[in-house]
């Protein structure tokens, strides 16, 4: 579904960064030495699926096969962590790319200004040949 999104809307963005660490990590005890110290901090940071950049403005993307309330929470946490760590940068837009979603998330998407992009996924090609008729 992400490839379908890129084919459909990717051209509207200047670039994408993937598997992006967002926010501040947790400081380990002072007894932890490098390189373990910086690895520990990096591992404790939030990790976004993708950041799309358009005219210097970021959009944080969460990509889920089936989106539920957890995806909303992740996006809100990513935005808050981004804002806390990047006080001079613009507040990011947030967007959800999914194959399908729970209808219960629609009010939260609207309330928090989360863009929804749906690209259904067809897994029928993975079924045994006898079932593909």
Foldseek 3Di string as FASTA:
>chain_A
DVVVCCVVPVVQFPDKDAFDFFAWFDQDDPVDDPPVRVVNGSVRTQTFGMWTHHPQATETEHEEQEDEVVVLVSQVVRQVRNCVHCVPGDRHAYEYEYQYYDPVCVVVCVVVVYHYHHDHDDPLVVDPPVVND
